[in-house]
Protein backbone atom coordinates (compact mmCIF):
# COMPACT_ATOMS: atom_id res chain seq x y z
CA UNK A 1 56.83 -14.60 -22.71
CA UNK A 2 53.78 -15.00 -22.19
CA UNK A 3 51.58 -17.73 -23.51
CA UNK A 4 48.66 -16.80 -25.09
CA UNK A 5 46.31 -19.22 -23.32
CA UNK A 6 47.52 -17.40 -20.07
CA UNK A 7 47.09 -14.22 -21.51
CA UNK A 8 43.30 -14.76 -22.10
CA UNK A 9 42.84 -16.37 -19.12
CA UNK A 10 44.35 -13.80 -17.49
CA UNK A 11 41.92 -11.13 -18.77
CA UNK A 12 39.11 -12.69 -18.47
CA UNK A 13 39.89 -13.72 -14.61
CA UNK A 14 40.11 -9.81 -13.97
CA UNK A 15 36.82 -8.98 -15.56
CA UNK A 16 35.00 -10.99 -13.17
CA UNK A 17 36.67 -9.14 -11.23
CA UNK A 18 35.69 -5.83 -11.48
CA UNK A 19 32.73 -4.06 -11.14
CA UNK A 20 32.13 -2.77 -14.09
CA UNK A 21 31.89 -6.36 -15.71
CA UNK A 22 29.64 -7.41 -13.31
CA UNK A 23 25.61 -7.16 -12.57
CA UNK A 24 23.72 -7.33 -8.73
CA UNK A 25 21.59 -9.98 -7.55
CA UNK A 26 18.73 -8.91 -9.61
CA UNK A 27 15.71 -9.14 -6.85
CA UNK A 28 17.19 -8.26 -3.40
CA UNK A 29 18.85 -6.06 -4.95
CA UNK A 30 15.59 -4.33 -6.50
CA UNK A 31 14.20 -4.57 -2.56
CA UNK A 32 17.70 -2.78 -1.54
CA UNK A 33 17.20 0.10 -3.62
CA UNK A 34 13.45 0.40 -3.14
CA UNK A 35 13.77 0.22 0.70
CA UNK A 36 15.90 3.40 0.65
CA UNK A 37 13.32 5.15 -1.49
CA UNK A 38 10.62 5.11 1.26
CA UNK A 39 10.44 8.79 2.78
CA UNK A 40 11.25 8.38 6.51
CA UNK A 41 11.07 4.77 5.99
CA UNK A 42 7.83 4.59 5.62
CA UNK A 43 6.51 6.28 2.10
CA UNK A 44 6.87 6.49 -1.24
CA UNK A 45 6.64 9.70 -3.60
CA UNK A 46 5.58 9.70 -7.52
CA UNK A 47 7.43 13.01 -7.68
CA UNK A 48 8.95 16.02 -5.69
CA UNK A 49 6.77 16.31 -2.27
CA UNK A 50 4.43 13.93 -4.08
CA UNK A 51 2.96 11.83 -1.59
CA UNK A 52 1.19 8.30 -3.45
CA UNK A 53 -0.73 5.46 -1.13
CA UNK A 54 -1.22 3.10 -4.45
CA UNK A 55 2.61 3.49 -4.98
CA UNK A 56 3.69 2.90 -0.91
CA UNK A 57 1.08 0.01 -1.09
CA UNK A 58 2.96 -1.73 -4.08
CA UNK A 59 6.28 -1.40 -2.54
CA UNK A 60 5.29 -3.67 0.24
CA UNK A 61 4.52 -6.22 -2.38
CA UNK A 62 7.63 -5.86 -4.08
CA UNK A 63 9.68 -5.78 -0.77
CA UNK A 64 8.29 -9.08 -0.32
CA UNK A 65 8.51 -10.53 -3.90
CA UNK A 66 12.23 -9.96 -3.29
CA UNK A 67 12.40 -11.20 0.62
CA UNK A 68 14.13 -8.37 1.85
CA UNK A 69 12.77 -4.97 3.97
CA UNK A 70 10.18 -6.84 6.02
CA UNK A 71 10.72 -4.12 8.91
CA UNK A 72 10.33 -1.23 6.19
CA UNK A 73 7.41 -2.92 4.78
CA UNK A 74 5.71 -2.49 8.36
CA UNK A 75 6.33 0.37 8.40
CA UNK A 76 5.09 0.98 5.21
CA UNK A 77 1.33 -0.47 6.50
CA UNK A 78 1.31 1.73 9.80
CA UNK A 79 1.66 4.94 7.80
CA UNK A 80 -0.67 3.44 5.10
CA UNK A 81 -3.23 2.09 8.42
CA UNK A 82 -2.97 5.70 10.28
CA UNK A 83 -4.77 8.92 9.32
CA UNK A 84 -5.24 11.38 7.15
CA UNK A 85 -3.44 9.15 4.46
CA UNK A 86 -6.04 5.97 5.33
CA UNK A 87 -9.41 7.95 5.00
CA UNK A 88 -8.11 9.80 2.03
CA UNK A 89 -6.86 6.30 0.38
CA UNK A 90 -10.22 4.27 1.19
CA UNK A 91 -13.15 6.80 1.65
CA UNK A 92 -15.28 7.74 4.83
CA UNK A 93 -16.78 4.78 4.28
CA UNK A 94 -20.28 6.57 4.07
CA UNK A 95 -20.27 9.04 2.12
CA UNK A 96 -17.42 7.83 -0.35
CA UNK A 97 -15.73 4.41 -0.83
CA UNK A 98 -13.10 3.20 -2.73
CA UNK A 99 -12.68 -0.02 -4.51
CA UNK A 100 -8.74 0.16 -5.49
CA UNK A 101 -7.83 2.03 -2.18
CA UNK A 102 -9.61 -0.79 0.04
CA UNK A 103 -7.90 -3.70 -2.69
CA UNK A 104 -4.50 -2.35 -2.29
CA UNK A 105 -4.70 -2.08 1.41
CA UNK A 106 -6.15 -5.65 2.16
CA UNK A 107 -3.29 -6.71 -0.08
CA UNK A 108 -0.96 -5.43 1.88
CA UNK A 109 -2.15 -6.53 5.34
CA UNK A 110 -2.87 -10.47 3.61
CA UNK A 111 0.67 -9.90 2.63
CA UNK A 112 2.24 -8.92 5.91
CA UNK A 113 0.53 -11.64 7.49
CA UNK A 114 -2.26 -9.03 8.80
CA UNK A 115 -6.11 -9.14 9.48
CA UNK A 116 -7.29 -7.34 6.54
CA UNK A 117 -11.09 -6.85 8.39
CA UNK A 118 -8.74 -4.95 11.47
CA UNK A 119 -6.86 -2.19 9.22
CA UNK A 120 -6.56 0.55 10.55
CA UNK A 121 -9.74 -0.52 12.34
CA UNK A 122 -11.55 -0.71 8.84
CA UNK A 123 -12.99 -4.20 7.85
CA UNK A 124 -11.64 -3.76 4.64
CA UNK A 125 -13.35 -6.55 3.11
CA UNK A 126 -16.07 -5.49 5.18
CA UNK A 127 -16.54 -2.21 2.74
CA UNK A 128 -14.88 -3.90 -0.54
CA UNK A 129 -17.98 -6.41 -0.17
CA UNK A 130 -20.70 -3.74 -0.14
CA UNK A 131 -19.56 -2.10 -3.54
CA UNK A 132 -20.69 -5.06 -4.99
CA UNK A 133 -23.15 -4.89 -7.84
CA UNK A 134 -25.77 -7.46 -8.01
CA UNK A 135 -23.52 -8.37 -12.05
CA UNK A 136 -20.25 -9.25 -9.96
CA UNK A 137 -18.34 -5.83 -10.57
CA UNK A 138 -17.34 -3.36 -7.52
CA UNK A 139 -17.46 0.45 -8.05
CA UNK A 140 -16.83 3.34 -5.94
CA UNK A 141 -19.29 4.53 -4.21
CA UNK A 142 -18.93 8.35 -4.96
CA UNK A 143 -20.20 10.57 -7.82
CA UNK A 144 -20.96 8.99 -10.86
CA UNK A 145 -18.83 11.24 -13.20
CA UNK A 146 -15.54 9.57 -10.88
CA UNK A 147 -16.08 6.44 -10.54
CA UNK A 148 -12.30 5.14 -11.37
CA UNK A 149 -13.14 1.37 -10.88
CA UNK A 150 -11.73 -0.47 -13.78
CA UNK A 151 -10.40 -4.48 -14.51
CA UNK A 152 -7.24 -3.21 -12.16
CA UNK A 153 -9.35 -2.77 -9.23
CA UNK A 154 -11.82 -5.63 -10.52
CA UNK A 155 -8.76 -7.89 -10.85
CA UNK A 156 -7.36 -6.90 -7.18
CA UNK A 157 -10.84 -7.54 -5.71
CA UNK A 158 -11.30 -11.06 -6.82
CA UNK A 159 -7.31 -11.52 -5.73
CA UNK A 160 -7.97 -10.26 -1.90
CA UNK A 161 -11.07 -11.89 -2.01
CA UNK A 162 -10.06 -14.82 -3.20
CA UNK A 163 -7.24 -14.87 -0.55
CA UNK A 164 -9.31 -14.52 1.98
CA UNK A 165 -11.39 -17.68 1.23
CA UNK A 166 -14.45 -15.41 -0.04
CA UNK A 167 -16.57 -16.29 -2.83
CA UNK A 168 -15.46 -14.76 -6.31
CA UNK A 169 -17.90 -16.56 -8.79
CA UNK A 170 -19.56 -13.30 -9.73
CA UNK A 171 -17.35 -11.05 -9.70
CA UNK A 172 -15.25 -13.59 -12.03
CA UNK A 173 -18.22 -13.86 -14.40
CA UNK A 174 -18.33 -9.99 -14.87
CA UNK A 175 -14.36 -10.24 -15.62
CA UNK A 176 -15.23 -12.68 -18.17
CA UNK A 177 -17.74 -10.54 -19.95
CA UNK A 178 -15.50 -7.89 -20.52
CA UNK A 179 -13.12 -10.07 -22.83
CA UNK A 180 -12.54 -8.71 -26.23
CA UNK A 181 -12.79 -10.65 -29.31
CA UNK A 182 -9.53 -10.59 -29.72
CA UNK A 183 -8.95 -12.40 -26.04
CA UNK A 184 -7.54 -9.67 -24.46
CA UNK A 185 -9.55 -7.72 -21.82
CA UNK A 186 -8.97 -3.79 -21.99
CA UNK A 187 -8.61 -1.59 -18.85
CA UNK A 188 -11.88 0.64 -18.98
CA UNK A 189 -15.18 -1.37 -19.21
CA UNK A 190 -18.09 -0.59 -21.42
CA UNK A 191 -16.31 1.12 -24.76
CA UNK A 192 -18.23 1.22 -27.56
CA UNK A 193 -15.06 -0.48 -29.21
CA UNK A 194 -13.79 -3.45 -26.67
CA UNK A 195 -9.70 -2.91 -26.80
CA UNK A 196 -7.44 -5.51 -25.52
CA UNK A 197 -4.50 -3.63 -23.44
CA UNK A 198 -1.36 -5.19 -22.29
CA UNK A 199 -1.80 -4.42 -18.22
CA UNK A 200 -5.26 -4.56 -18.62
CA UNK A 201 -4.74 -8.79 -19.57
CA UNK A 202 -1.62 -9.48 -17.57
CA UNK A 203 -3.88 -8.46 -14.32
CA UNK A 204 -6.83 -10.17 -15.29
CA UNK A 205 -5.11 -13.46 -16.06
CA UNK A 206 -3.25 -12.83 -13.05
CA UNK A 207 -6.95 -12.63 -10.88
CA UNK A 208 -8.88 -15.31 -13.42
CA UNK A 209 -5.97 -17.82 -12.89
CA UNK A 210 -6.07 -17.35 -8.93
CA UNK A 211 -9.83 -18.08 -9.28
CA UNK A 212 -9.07 -21.48 -11.30
CA UNK A 213 -11.45 -20.22 -14.49
CA UNK A 214 -9.87 -21.91 -17.20
CA UNK A 215 -11.48 -20.79 -20.09
CA UNK A 216 -11.23 -17.56 -20.73
CA UNK A 217 -7.71 -17.02 -19.20
CA UNK A 218 -6.85 -19.76 -21.93
CA UNK A 219 -7.20 -17.56 -24.79
CA UNK A 220 -6.10 -14.86 -22.99
CA UNK A 221 -2.95 -16.45 -22.28
CA UNK A 222 -2.04 -16.96 -25.51
CA UNK A 223 -2.81 -13.18 -26.78
CA UNK A 224 -0.36 -11.89 -23.94
CA UNK A 225 1.99 -14.31 -25.50
CA UNK A 226 1.47 -12.90 -29.10
CA UNK A 227 2.24 -9.08 -27.74
CA UNK A 228 5.61 -10.32 -26.70
CA UNK A 229 8.28 -7.87 -28.22
CA UNK A 230 11.67 -9.03 -29.50
CA UNK A 231 13.14 -7.85 -27.09
CA UNK A 232 11.74 -9.99 -24.39
CA UNK A 233 9.74 -7.02 -23.03
CA UNK A 234 5.67 -6.10 -23.43
CA UNK A 235 4.63 -2.91 -24.52
CA UNK A 236 2.53 -0.73 -22.28
CA UNK A 237 -0.86 0.70 -24.83
CA UNK A 238 1.33 4.00 -25.59
CA UNK A 239 4.85 2.92 -25.37
CA UNK A 240 7.33 0.39 -26.35
CA UNK A 241 8.54 -2.54 -24.25
CA UNK A 242 8.82 -1.34 -20.60
CA UNK A 243 9.58 -2.57 -17.03
CA UNK A 244 6.13 -1.77 -15.59
CA UNK A 245 4.03 -3.64 -18.00
CA UNK A 246 6.72 -6.49 -18.53
CA UNK A 247 6.34 -6.99 -14.39
CA UNK A 248 2.70 -7.30 -14.67
CA UNK A 249 2.91 -10.02 -17.66
CA UNK A 250 5.32 -11.93 -15.49
CA UNK A 251 3.05 -12.59 -12.78
CA UNK A 252 0.23 -13.77 -15.32
CA UNK A 253 2.67 -16.08 -17.13
CA UNK A 254 4.25 -18.04 -14.77
CA UNK A 255 0.93 -18.31 -13.26
CA UNK A 256 -0.49 -19.68 -16.72
CA UNK A 257 2.90 -21.95 -16.65
CA UNK A 258 4.03 -20.56 -20.34
CA UNK A 259 7.73 -20.88 -18.79
CA UNK A 260 9.34 -19.91 -21.98
CA UNK A 261 7.78 -16.33 -22.10
CA UNK A 262 8.48 -15.77 -19.34
CA UNK A 263 12.02 -16.85 -19.09
CA UNK A 264 12.63 -14.05 -22.10
CA UNK A 265 10.83 -11.16 -19.89
CA UNK A 266 13.01 -12.02 -16.87
CA UNK A 267 15.72 -11.96 -19.42
CA UNK A 268 14.72 -8.94 -20.63
CA UNK A 269 13.81 -7.03 -16.91
CA UNK A 270 17.25 -7.71 -15.88
CA UNK A 271 18.72 -6.02 -18.75
CA UNK A 272 16.75 -2.91 -17.13
CA UNK A 273 18.62 -3.28 -14.23
CA UNK A 274 21.66 -0.72 -13.25
CA UNK A 275 24.07 -3.01 -12.02
CA UNK A 276 27.26 -2.77 -10.65
CA UNK A 277 28.67 -0.28 -13.41
CA UNK A 278 26.04 2.47 -12.55
CA UNK A 279 26.46 5.04 -9.87
CA UNK A 280 26.57 3.00 -6.60
CA UNK A 281 23.77 5.46 -5.41
CA UNK A 282 21.28 3.60 -8.27
CA UNK A 283 22.56 0.31 -7.94
CA UNK A 284 20.01 -2.33 -8.20
CA UNK A 285 17.43 0.18 -9.68
CA UNK A 286 15.37 -0.66 -12.37
CA UNK A 287 14.95 1.51 -15.45
CA UNK A 288 11.61 2.04 -17.21
CA UNK A 289 12.87 0.92 -20.33
CA UNK A 290 15.48 1.13 -22.64
CA UNK A 291 16.32 4.71 -22.37
CA UNK A 292 17.68 4.72 -18.32
CA UNK A 293 17.72 5.14 -15.21
CA UNK A 294 15.46 8.27 -14.04
CA UNK A 295 14.06 8.85 -10.43
CA UNK A 296 10.85 8.79 -10.05
CA UNK A 297 9.75 6.62 -12.45
CA UNK A 298 12.39 4.40 -11.90
CA UNK A 299 10.38 3.85 -8.32
CA UNK A 300 7.38 2.84 -9.60
CA UNK A 301 9.17 0.60 -12.30
CA UNK A 302 10.86 -1.37 -9.29
CA UNK A 303 8.18 -1.91 -7.47
CA UNK A 304 6.38 -3.60 -10.78
CA UNK A 305 9.13 -5.14 -11.84
CA UNK A 306 11.00 -7.21 -8.75
CA UNK A 307 7.64 -8.78 -8.60
CA UNK A 308 8.40 -10.26 -12.28
CA UNK A 309 12.25 -10.86 -11.35
CA UNK A 310 11.11 -13.13 -8.27
CA UNK A 311 8.52 -14.41 -10.72
CA UNK A 312 5.68 -14.44 -7.87
CA UNK A 313 1.80 -12.88 -8.42
CA UNK A 314 0.17 -10.69 -6.31
CA UNK A 315 -2.41 -13.98 -5.53
CA UNK A 316 0.56 -15.48 -4.00
CA UNK A 317 2.94 -12.89 -2.86
CA UNK A 318 4.04 -12.81 1.18
CA UNK A 319 6.57 -11.54 3.81
CA UNK A 320 6.59 -14.45 5.73
CA UNK A 321 9.78 -15.71 4.75
CA UNK A 322 10.95 -12.26 3.85
CA UNK A 323 14.11 -10.71 5.96
CA UNK A 324 13.79 -8.08 7.87
CA UNK A 325 16.17 -6.01 6.85
CA UNK A 326 17.97 -5.50 3.24
CA UNK A 327 21.44 -6.97 2.03
CA UNK A 328 24.11 -4.94 1.02
CA UNK A 329 24.78 -4.09 -3.23
CA UNK A 330 27.87 -6.55 -3.17
CA UNK A 331 29.86 -5.57 -6.55
CA UNK A 332 33.25 -6.59 -4.71
CA UNK A 333 32.93 -10.34 -4.02
CA UNK A 334 33.36 -12.40 -7.42
CA UNK A 335 31.02 -14.69 -8.89
CA UNK A 336 32.22 -18.14 -7.71
CA UNK A 337 29.41 -19.47 -10.89
CA UNK A 338 26.97 -17.89 -12.87
CA UNK A 339 23.55 -18.27 -12.44
CA UNK A 340 21.56 -21.56 -13.61
CA UNK A 341 18.86 -19.92 -16.00
CA UNK A 342 16.84 -21.14 -19.30
CA UNK A 343 16.31 -17.78 -19.85
CA UNK A 344 18.43 -16.24 -22.84
CA UNK A 345 21.16 -14.24 -22.09
CA UNK A 346 20.65 -10.22 -21.63
CA UNK A 347 22.26 -7.94 -23.51
CA UNK A 348 24.56 -6.98 -20.68
CA UNK A 349 26.48 -8.39 -17.76
CA UNK A 350 24.67 -11.60 -16.85
CA UNK A 351 23.95 -10.88 -13.04
CA UNK A 352 25.52 -13.30 -10.80
CA UNK A 353 24.67 -14.54 -7.45
CA UNK A 354 27.39 -13.46 -4.73
CA UNK A 355 27.05 -14.15 -0.97
CA UNK A 356 25.26 -11.00 0.08
CA UNK A 357 26.03 -9.07 3.45
CA UNK A 358 23.05 -8.62 5.41
CA UNK A 359 22.46 -5.08 6.85
CA UNK A 360 18.78 -4.90 8.14
CA UNK A 361 18.22 -4.70 12.42
CA UNK A 362 17.49 -8.37 13.80
CA UNK A 363 18.94 -10.23 10.24
CA UNK A 364 21.76 -12.63 10.66
CA UNK A 365 21.73 -14.78 7.84
CA UNK A 366 22.65 -14.83 4.29
CA UNK A 367 19.90 -13.72 2.06
CA UNK A 368 18.45 -15.81 -0.90
CA UNK A 369 15.77 -14.65 -3.21
CA UNK A 370 11.58 -15.39 -2.81
CA UNK A 371 10.21 -18.66 -4.42
CA UNK A 372 9.53 -18.82 -7.64
CA UNK A 373 6.29 -19.52 -7.86
CA UNK A 374 3.75 -17.53 -10.15
CA UNK A 375 3.17 -11.44 -9.38
CA UNK A 376 1.53 -5.83 -9.58
CA UNK A 377 1.15 -5.32 -8.91
CA UNK A 378 0.60 -3.89 -9.62
CA UNK A 379 -0.34 -0.16 -10.70
CA UNK A 380 -3.76 0.33 -9.70
CA UNK A 381 -5.23 3.26 -10.79
CA UNK A 382 -6.76 4.80 -8.02
CA UNK A 383 -6.63 8.47 -8.14
CA UNK A 384 -6.87 9.91 -4.94
CA UNK A 385 -5.07 13.29 -6.97
CA UNK A 386 -8.47 14.01 -8.10
CA UNK A 387 -10.32 13.39 -5.70
CA UNK A 388 -8.43 15.93 -3.31
CA UNK A 389 -8.89 18.31 -5.59
CA UNK A 390 -13.06 17.97 -6.16
CA UNK A 391 -13.02 18.12 -2.64
CA UNK A 392 -10.56 21.56 -3.06
């Protein structure tokens, strides 16, 4: 006759050892899935046959935050630096020049340790500086009707210039001037009524904190924490808790020292990650929200959420310590010890940290999670498709 205590122990051990009871190692596994979504190994799609230069740039930051896939990130950067996508994304530098494209590619270069003044033969920072108004605002050089600059592009300009050691006092002053009375920041500038937005506030906060601004950012941090939902997630303007907004928020919270709120947000992101109980082709991916995995929305959600999972912001993300290849998503090795975290347990399998086998080229050592310090990464609103239609 089997004793009850022995039976309980046996069942518990069996559950730990089965794939259905195990999750994946959060950030590296998200990076592994994301690396597999790059078409031809060098660019991402936002839909069937819909090439997205901005999303591809986001993918570079995401892989760096995950600490994996440096070879894929480098191929993506080379693709972004080549024609015709380079000119489409940043403009020709004469008739048109786009803040969003310039800042995103400058950040790609900085993330990979490349020179943003020589990216694809273009001085990205020089072109960016030429787009700064006297009041510190950055505007697209195009028909004013089609100027798509906003809180996202302004924030990325501050971040990339700060990383390059360039002065940012005027751009920071302009960003602060847009703060709403409720202490958050709007996405669109100059609206009749200032409406605080969670995504915009998270982005502006990352920029202000990187620049060392303390007054406006302290108020905005309080406002941002107040927007966190009971599930730990952060809502978008037209949606509930989701991975995209939450991934951005974590970068701001970590940079601002709001550890408790960041822990809850990371725990929420883990509940959206496809673990070992999911289809093998989806394991590691982050769903947009609790409705579950959807192929194309998961690509964008994963690019932003993985920065949150790794607790790294756009001001700090770097591929300097990234592995060249990606780890295999291991659902066979039982967990030896549970992860330590101050975060509340997510509603689902608790992620474990088994040793993961490296599969990329020139990779022979176990992979470790990328650094855990303070971010979008960002989903900057650069509407290249709009310009294509206008010019068609």
